[in-house]
Amino acid sequence: MTGNSMATRSHPPKMEEKMTHLHFYMRYNFNGSNPTAIRVVEGPKNKTTLFGSILVMDNPVTAGPEMNTELIGRVQGFGVGVSWDSFNFLNMMNLVFTGGKYKGSTLSYQYRTRSELWIVGGTGKFRLARGYGMRKIYSYNQTTASSLVNSTILISILLCAMTGNSMATKSHHPKMEEKMTHLHFYIHFNLSNPTAVGVVEGPENYTTSFGTILVMDNPVTVGPGMETEHIGQAQGFAVGVSMENFNFLNIVNLVFTGGKYKGSTVSLQYRTTGELWIVGGTGKFRLARGYGMRKNYSVNQNEEDILEIDAFVLHY
């Protein structure tokens, strides 16, 4: 928190953070004449995991698993294939309530194909929302060998979202206290055997890579050398967002595959120049928020770039 007189009036004094439990069903339809999820970018042709592919979706949401139950909204967003070795998409979703008691509100969340989900914000009745959720396949209809293109998937998602004044930290977890964890690690960008590839080229008249989209699956180690302990992968994508200079907005999910945080994730974002900010996490980093510093540890245009990260994570 920063500022003085403005900060004292930014949170209504009579508001308290509260827990809301949401349980709903989201339908994916990749088949037929009216699909609700469409692949708009093809990844590298030699990858069966769909690394680099981008899907855009507008999926109906119902209160129950049957098609004739109440339609309460749409889940609108996109997913990016971010793993070289397995079928795994990093998904950015906005749940838009069009019916029911939350009509007119929205909830923004993110998740990997195989993980919990984390809530990063909302509007209306879900202003200042944060939280986490569980998701599972409720039913699955595969009509051909290609499960992505010709299938209808029903997913049940359980969300726990906080709304209201974020200062009221004792109102929702009376036995839990927020703690700080310092993470220090190195991300390796392999250039000779690329771990980051361009999937969309920006307009040719921009020399700053404006409009270019990169997808990455970079190894993460505890030290600057690849011989040090491998603790995870930094999976995500980056979009060239500046017309005037070289600057990418990076959306990255740090997936811990080893060490004491194995099985957990931290979601972070950063621009090519500047600090990074943490918007969520799973496992040991549920309800994560925080900030971090990044710097180029080494740059070798023919071999490998190494990025050093110092992150400070608040979580329960």
Protein backbone atom coordinates (compact mmCIF):
# COMPACT_ATOMS: atom_id res chain seq x y z
CA MET A 1 0.00 0.00 0.00
CA THR A 2 1.30 3.45 -0.88
CA GLY A 3 0.14 7.03 -0.54
CA ASN A 4 -1.37 8.96 2.34
CA SER A 5 -4.71 10.77 2.20
CA MET A 6 -5.89 8.81 -0.82
CA ALA A 7 -5.10 5.48 0.81
CA THR A 8 -7.25 6.16 3.86
CA ARG A 9 -10.43 6.53 1.79
CA SER A 10 -9.86 3.73 -0.73
CA HIS A 11 -11.57 1.00 1.33
CA PRO A 12 -15.08 1.65 2.72
CA PRO A 13 -14.77 1.23 6.51
CA LYS A 14 -17.99 -0.82 6.81
CA MET A 15 -17.00 -3.45 4.22
CA GLU A 16 -15.59 -6.81 5.26
CA GLU A 17 -14.06 -9.51 3.14
CA LYS A 18 -16.30 -12.56 2.89
CA MET A 19 -16.18 -16.03 1.40
CA THR A 20 -18.45 -17.01 -1.51
CA HIS A 21 -18.70 -20.59 -2.73
CA LEU A 22 -19.53 -20.98 -6.44
CA HIS A 23 -20.37 -24.35 -8.00
CA PHE A 24 -21.17 -24.49 -11.72
CA TYR A 25 -20.68 -26.44 -14.92
CA MET A 26 -18.83 -25.22 -18.01
CA ARG A 27 -19.30 -26.82 -21.40
CA TYR A 28 -16.67 -27.09 -24.13
CA ASN A 29 -17.82 -27.94 -27.62
CA PHE A 30 -15.06 -28.44 -30.19
CA ASN A 31 -17.31 -30.23 -32.65
CA GLY A 32 -20.11 -29.57 -35.10
CA SER A 33 -21.26 -26.46 -36.89
CA ASN A 34 -21.38 -24.31 -33.74
CA PRO A 35 -18.20 -24.91 -31.69
CA THR A 36 -17.65 -22.85 -28.55
CA ALA A 37 -13.83 -23.22 -28.61
CA ILE A 38 -11.81 -22.55 -31.75
CA ARG A 39 -8.11 -22.94 -32.49
CA VAL A 40 -6.93 -19.64 -33.99
CA VAL A 41 -3.15 -20.24 -33.99
CA GLU A 42 -1.42 -23.50 -34.90
CA GLY A 43 1.68 -24.43 -32.94
CA PRO A 44 4.80 -25.97 -34.50
CA LYS A 45 3.76 -28.86 -36.72
CA ASN A 46 6.15 -31.31 -35.08
CA LYS A 47 4.60 -31.03 -31.62
CA THR A 48 1.81 -33.48 -30.75
CA THR A 49 1.29 -31.69 -27.42
CA LEU A 50 -0.13 -28.59 -29.21
CA PHE A 51 2.69 -26.44 -27.82
CA GLY A 52 2.26 -22.94 -29.24
CA SER A 53 -1.39 -23.39 -30.23
CA ILE A 54 -3.90 -20.75 -29.13
CA LEU A 55 -7.59 -21.45 -28.50
CA VAL A 56 -10.32 -18.83 -28.06
CA MET A 57 -13.51 -19.85 -26.29
CA ASP A 58 -16.98 -18.67 -25.36
CA ASN A 59 -18.44 -21.55 -23.34
CA PRO A 60 -21.91 -21.69 -21.75
CA VAL A 61 -22.12 -22.05 -17.96
CA THR A 62 -25.05 -23.76 -16.23
CA ALA A 63 -26.09 -24.29 -12.63
CA GLY A 64 -26.38 -28.06 -13.11
CA PRO A 65 -24.86 -30.76 -15.33
CA GLU A 66 -27.91 -31.18 -17.58
CA MET A 67 -28.34 -29.01 -20.66
CA ASN A 68 -31.83 -27.93 -19.58
CA THR A 69 -30.65 -26.46 -16.27
CA GLU A 70 -30.42 -22.69 -15.75
CA LEU A 71 -27.93 -20.85 -17.97
CA ILE A 72 -26.12 -18.47 -15.61
CA GLY A 73 -23.37 -17.11 -17.82
CA ARG A 74 -20.52 -17.58 -20.26
CA VAL A 75 -16.85 -18.37 -19.74
CA GLN A 76 -14.96 -16.29 -22.27
CA GLY A 77 -11.21 -16.34 -22.73
CA PHE A 78 -8.28 -18.09 -24.36
CA GLY A 79 -5.79 -20.85 -23.75
CA VAL A 80 -2.17 -21.21 -24.90
CA GLY A 81 -0.36 -24.54 -25.23
CA VAL A 82 2.69 -24.01 -23.03
CA SER A 83 4.29 -27.45 -22.58
CA TRP A 84 6.75 -29.16 -24.91
CA ASP A 85 6.36 -32.55 -23.21
CA SER A 86 2.68 -32.85 -22.27
CA PHE A 87 -0.78 -31.60 -23.24
CA ASN A 88 -1.08 -28.52 -21.03
CA PHE A 89 -2.71 -25.17 -21.74
CA LEU A 90 -2.42 -21.97 -19.69
CA ASN A 91 -5.96 -20.57 -19.68
CA MET A 92 -7.11 -16.98 -19.02
CA MET A 93 -10.85 -16.90 -18.33
CA ASN A 94 -13.56 -14.37 -17.57
CA LEU A 95 -16.79 -15.76 -16.11
CA VAL A 96 -19.54 -13.36 -17.21
CA PHE A 97 -22.76 -13.83 -15.22
CA THR A 98 -25.81 -13.27 -17.44
CA GLY A 99 -28.38 -14.76 -15.05
CA GLY A 100 -28.98 -15.68 -11.42
CA LYS A 101 -28.17 -13.62 -8.34
CA TYR A 102 -24.76 -12.55 -9.68
CA LYS A 103 -26.11 -11.23 -13.00
CA GLY A 104 -23.99 -8.33 -14.25
CA SER A 105 -20.89 -9.37 -12.29
CA THR A 106 -17.75 -11.08 -13.58
CA LEU A 107 -15.00 -13.24 -12.16
CA SER A 108 -11.52 -13.50 -13.68
CA TYR A 109 -9.49 -16.67 -13.17
CA GLN A 110 -6.60 -18.63 -14.62
CA TYR A 111 -5.60 -22.30 -14.66
CA ARG A 112 -3.45 -24.93 -16.31
CA THR A 113 -5.06 -27.99 -17.88
CA ARG A 114 -3.93 -30.13 -14.97
CA SER A 115 -4.10 -28.02 -11.84
CA GLU A 116 -6.19 -25.95 -9.48
CA LEU A 117 -7.38 -22.54 -10.61
CA TRP A 118 -6.61 -19.16 -9.10
CA ILE A 119 -8.80 -16.06 -9.06
CA VAL A 120 -7.20 -12.76 -10.03
CA GLY A 121 -10.09 -10.27 -9.89
CA GLY A 122 -13.70 -9.47 -10.65
CA THR A 123 -16.35 -6.82 -11.11
CA GLY A 124 -19.74 -5.98 -9.64
CA LYS A 125 -20.37 -8.17 -6.60
CA PHE A 126 -16.87 -9.61 -6.97
CA ARG A 127 -14.80 -6.44 -6.77
CA LEU A 128 -11.36 -7.09 -5.23
CA ALA A 129 -11.93 -10.84 -5.64
CA ARG A 130 -9.20 -13.35 -4.92
CA GLY A 131 -9.33 -17.05 -4.22
CA TYR A 132 -8.80 -20.52 -5.60
CA GLY A 133 -10.82 -23.36 -7.00
CA MET A 134 -10.89 -27.00 -7.99
CA ARG A 135 -11.96 -28.32 -11.38
CA LYS A 136 -12.70 -31.78 -12.72
CA ILE A 137 -14.14 -33.42 -15.80
CA TYR A 138 -17.76 -34.25 -15.04
CA SER A 139 -18.42 -36.05 -18.34
CA TYR A 140 -16.54 -36.59 -21.55
CA ASN A 141 -17.79 -37.38 -25.04
CA GLN A 142 -15.11 -38.41 -27.50
CA THR A 143 -16.39 -39.09 -30.99
CA THR A 144 -13.08 -39.62 -32.79
CA ALA A 145 -9.46 -40.29 -31.96
CA SER A 146 -8.79 -36.54 -31.94
CA SER A 147 -10.13 -35.52 -28.54
CA LEU A 148 -9.39 -31.82 -29.02
CA VAL A 149 -11.21 -31.31 -32.29
CA ASN A 150 -14.23 -33.58 -31.87
CA SER A 151 -15.40 -33.77 -28.31
CA THR A 152 -17.72 -32.16 -25.83
CA ILE A 153 -16.35 -31.74 -22.31
CA LEU A 154 -18.35 -30.86 -19.22
CA ILE A 155 -16.33 -29.48 -16.33
CA SER A 156 -17.38 -28.96 -12.74
CA ILE A 157 -15.55 -26.10 -11.01
CA LEU A 158 -15.56 -25.22 -7.33
CA LEU A 159 -14.55 -21.62 -6.62
CA CYS A 160 -13.83 -19.91 -3.33
CA ALA A 161 -13.74 -16.15 -3.87
CA MET A 162 -13.22 -13.30 -1.45
CA THR A 163 -15.08 -10.06 -2.03
CA GLY A 164 -15.03 -6.74 -0.28
CA ASN A 165 -12.30 -5.07 1.75
CA SER A 166 -8.98 -6.87 1.44
CA MET A 167 -7.86 -5.35 4.73
CA ALA A 168 -10.28 -7.56 6.68
CA THR A 169 -7.89 -10.49 6.64
CA LYS A 170 -9.29 -12.21 9.72
CA SER A 171 -12.85 -12.56 8.48
CA HIS A 172 -12.34 -15.54 6.20
CA HIS A 173 -9.45 -17.64 7.58
CA PRO A 174 -9.46 -17.21 11.37
CA LYS A 175 -6.84 -19.95 11.86
CA MET A 176 -4.61 -19.01 8.93
CA GLU A 177 -2.04 -16.25 8.80
CA GLU A 178 -0.47 -14.74 5.73
CA LYS A 179 3.26 -15.37 5.44
CA MET A 180 6.10 -14.21 3.22
CA THR A 181 8.23 -16.57 1.13
CA HIS A 182 11.34 -15.42 -0.74
CA LEU A 183 11.98 -17.24 -4.01
CA HIS A 184 15.30 -16.93 -5.84
CA PHE A 185 15.77 -18.83 -9.08
CA TYR A 186 17.04 -18.69 -12.66
CA ILE A 187 15.09 -19.08 -15.91
CA HIS A 188 16.98 -20.43 -18.92
CA PHE A 189 16.05 -19.38 -22.46
CA ASN A 190 17.70 -21.93 -24.77
CA LEU A 191 18.40 -20.39 -28.16
CA SER A 192 20.19 -23.25 -29.95
CA ASN A 193 17.38 -25.73 -29.12
CA PRO A 194 14.62 -23.17 -28.57
CA THR A 195 12.48 -23.31 -25.42
CA ALA A 196 10.64 -20.17 -26.59
CA VAL A 197 9.19 -19.93 -30.08
CA GLY A 198 7.32 -17.28 -32.03
CA VAL A 199 3.82 -18.34 -33.06
CA VAL A 200 2.50 -15.01 -34.36
CA GLU A 201 4.52 -12.45 -36.33
CA GLY A 202 3.70 -8.80 -35.78
CA PRO A 203 3.31 -6.31 -38.65
CA GLU A 204 6.49 -5.96 -40.72
CA ASN A 205 6.51 -2.17 -40.44
CA TYR A 206 7.29 -2.39 -36.70
CA THR A 207 10.92 -3.10 -35.79
CA THR A 208 10.01 -3.37 -32.09
CA SER A 209 8.23 -6.78 -32.44
CA PHE A 210 4.91 -5.08 -31.71
CA GLY A 211 2.14 -7.66 -32.14
CA THR A 212 4.48 -10.65 -32.01
CA ILE A 213 3.46 -13.55 -29.74
CA LEU A 214 6.00 -15.94 -28.19
CA VAL A 215 5.23 -19.15 -26.30
CA MET A 216 7.74 -20.53 -23.81
CA ASP A 217 8.51 -23.59 -21.71
CA ASN A 218 11.80 -22.71 -20.04
CA PRO A 219 13.72 -24.73 -17.41
CA VAL A 220 14.11 -23.19 -13.93
CA THR A 221 17.11 -23.92 -11.69
CA VAL A 222 18.27 -22.91 -8.23
CA GLY A 223 21.58 -21.63 -9.59
CA PRO A 224 22.75 -19.97 -12.81
CA GLY A 225 24.20 -23.19 -14.25
CA MET A 226 22.12 -25.91 -15.89
CA GLU A 227 24.00 -28.43 -13.75
CA THR A 228 22.36 -27.02 -10.60
CA GLU A 229 19.08 -28.45 -9.27
CA HIS A 230 16.22 -28.29 -11.75
CA ILE A 231 13.14 -27.22 -9.75
CA GLY A 232 10.56 -26.51 -12.43
CA GLN A 233 9.46 -24.95 -15.69
CA ALA A 234 8.45 -21.38 -16.52
CA GLN A 235 5.56 -21.87 -18.93
CA GLY A 236 3.61 -19.08 -20.57
CA PHE A 237 3.52 -16.58 -23.37
CA ALA A 238 4.65 -13.05 -24.20
CA VAL A 239 3.10 -10.40 -26.43
CA GLY A 240 4.96 -7.47 -28.00
CA VAL A 241 2.96 -4.48 -26.75
CA SER A 242 5.01 -1.39 -27.59
CA MET A 243 5.09 0.45 -30.92
CA GLU A 244 8.06 2.56 -29.87
CA ASN A 245 10.46 0.18 -28.13
CA PHE A 246 11.18 -3.51 -27.57
CA ASN A 247 8.83 -4.48 -24.74
CA PHE A 248 6.89 -7.70 -24.18
CA LEU A 249 4.13 -8.33 -21.65
CA ASN A 250 4.91 -11.76 -20.21
CA ILE A 251 2.32 -14.06 -18.59
CA VAL A 252 4.23 -16.89 -16.91
CA ASN A 253 3.28 -19.81 -14.71
CA LEU A 254 6.13 -21.16 -12.58
CA VAL A 255 5.44 -24.90 -12.26
CA PHE A 256 7.48 -26.54 -9.49
CA THR A 257 8.49 -30.08 -10.49
CA GLY A 258 11.13 -30.54 -7.78
CA GLY A 259 12.29 -29.22 -4.42
CA LYS A 260 10.15 -28.41 -1.40
CA TYR A 261 7.44 -26.69 -3.47
CA LYS A 262 6.96 -29.62 -5.87
CA GLY A 263 3.38 -29.75 -7.14
CA SER A 264 2.70 -26.04 -6.51
CA THR A 265 2.65 -23.14 -8.95
CA VAL A 266 3.13 -19.37 -8.86
CA SER A 267 1.60 -17.11 -11.51
CA LEU A 268 3.60 -14.02 -12.35
CA GLN A 269 3.57 -11.27 -14.95
CA TYR A 270 6.19 -8.78 -16.08
CA ARG A 271 7.24 -6.47 -18.88
CA THR A 272 10.64 -6.75 -20.55
CA THR A 273 11.74 -3.77 -18.47
CA GLY A 274 10.49 -3.38 -14.91
CA GLU A 275 9.53 -5.34 -11.82
CA LEU A 276 7.28 -8.38 -11.85
CA TRP A 277 4.00 -8.88 -10.02
CA ILE A 278 2.43 -12.07 -8.67
CA VAL A 279 -1.27 -12.64 -9.30
CA GLY A 280 -1.95 -16.08 -7.84
CA GLY A 281 -0.81 -19.61 -7.27
CA THR A 282 -1.78 -23.16 -6.36
CA GLY A 283 -0.82 -25.76 -3.76
CA LYS A 284 1.40 -24.16 -1.14
CA PHE A 285 0.89 -20.80 -2.87
CA ARG A 286 -2.89 -20.53 -2.77
CA LEU A 287 -4.08 -16.90 -2.60
CA ALA A 288 -0.56 -15.76 -3.53
CA ARG A 289 0.26 -12.14 -4.23
CA GLY A 290 3.53 -10.29 -4.26
CA TYR A 291 6.25 -8.70 -6.33
CA GLY A 292 9.71 -9.41 -7.59
CA MET A 293 12.82 -8.13 -9.29
CA ARG A 294 14.33 -9.54 -12.47
CA LYS A 295 17.62 -9.01 -14.25
CA ASN A 296 19.60 -10.54 -17.08
CA TYR A 297 22.22 -12.76 -15.44
CA SER A 298 23.86 -13.52 -18.78
CA VAL A 299 23.05 -12.95 -22.44
CA ASN A 300 24.51 -15.10 -25.22
CA GLN A 301 22.73 -14.53 -28.51
CA ASN A 302 23.92 -17.85 -29.95
CA GLU A 303 23.46 -20.17 -26.97
CA GLU A 304 21.40 -19.21 -23.95
CA ASP A 305 19.97 -16.25 -22.04
CA ILE A 306 19.62 -16.57 -18.26
CA LEU A 307 17.15 -14.50 -16.27
CA GLU A 308 17.64 -14.13 -12.51
CA ILE A 309 14.46 -13.73 -10.42
CA ASP A 310 14.03 -12.52 -6.83
CA ALA A 311 10.36 -12.82 -5.83
CA PHE A 312 8.61 -12.08 -2.55
CA VAL A 313 5.35 -14.00 -2.22
CA LEU A 314 2.61 -13.42 0.34
CA HIS A 315 0.43 -16.52 0.78
CA TYR A 316 -1.35 -18.66 3.39
